[in-house]
Amino acid sequence: MTGRDISLLFVSPSNPISDAIACIDRSGRISIALVVDAGRHLLNTISDGDVRRGILAGCSLTDPISRLLEIKASTPYPLPVTAPLETDSAQLLKIMQLRSVRQLPLVDRNGVVVDIVILGDFLPQAVESFQAIVMAGGRGMRLRPLTESTPKPLLPVGGKPVMEIIVGQLRDVGVRHIHIATHYQAEKIMRHFGNGHSFGVDISYVEEEVPLGTGGALGLLKEPREPVLVINGDILTQVDFRSLHAFHKEHGADMTVGVRRYDIQVPYGVVSCRGARVRYLQEKPQLSLFVNAGIYLLEPSVFRFIPENQHLNITDLVSKLLQMERTVVSYPICEYWLDIGQYEDYQKAQEDVQNGKFQTHATH
């Protein structure tokens, strides 16, 4: 027995998906929720990836967890991998390696979940390595006059510059090498962060003499040996970058794009027609879209498709990869996320910190 209180991992199929997210968050290294019935019989498991796939399929956080189980039923791995409680350690490790799982619930003869082991119980936990680049070259015109003397990434939120929050979050998930792409008031950013050692990281700078766009700025980097996380320097978020990286690997992606659900309420009745004939009329529908969240993860091989010292929007890079039939996947962000692009957004960020909706220290 591992001594873990597995009751903290329990959720019911009727619980909302938000409960599964909270369960996964509080499980720490286990990173899983156990779906059980009233008798603690294991029905299935829910991972972070299962939640994200559910959101992409149209689930909302208020939908029951049973919706995720319905979606999981059509995947290559619809059922949980388990082991009998009395299984010895060597066999447990063998099962986990053969089935490529990091968590293994242990059940008794009646199918009641009694304990759980994770791969880290048997092997040293390998830290998945990736670099990061923070895009910090914008002029922040929509935030004038705040940005006349201060570059947007250095605007304080809760008494700390936005980009300092980002750097701290990257450090706390194991990122040690961070590039910062600069242009507007670059010297102030370089003076604040220096070589990064006082922030627990190594920082290098790529300076755009003229604005090159997010894709073009990446062309100033040497081709890396490990994946590169790209994030805009004005994004306030509590997304788990490690989970994003795991999702990226699980889908064999060349590039992963962070997306955010955005709902639009149409203020009119919408009429659908085929020629002159009306098919149906829908009164004031709500459209649900996924929008670009300004967070990306790129494999090293993608960098060979980025021209050097040429303007390139990140959307053009995505289009190029899709034309070449490369794998580009979307990672839905359901955690706190705010793009501080306008004065109203900046005010909201300050209010969210004051009200405890966002923590300016790393939370992972």
Foldseek 3Di string as FASTA:
>chain_A
DPPDPLVLQEDEQQAFQLSQVVSLQVVPPQQKHFYADPQQQTPAIDHLLLSQVLVVVPDDRRGGNVSSLVVLCPDPCSHAAEEAPPDDPVVVLVSCVVVVAQKYFHAHPVRHTDDMHGNCVPDPDDQAAEAEEEEQADQLPQAPPVSVPPGQQQDDAPRGRLLLLVLQQCVVSPHAEYEYEYEPPVVVVCVVCPLVVVVRHGYDYDYQPDDQAPLQSLLSDDLDPFKYKYAYSQKAWQDNVVVVVVSCVVVVAQKEFEKEKDKDFAQAWDWDDDVPHTPDIHGRDIDIDIDGQRIMIHGSVLNVVRDHSHRDHVVNSVVVCVVVVGGYYYGYDPTDIFRPSHPVSSVVSNVCCVVVVGPSHRDD
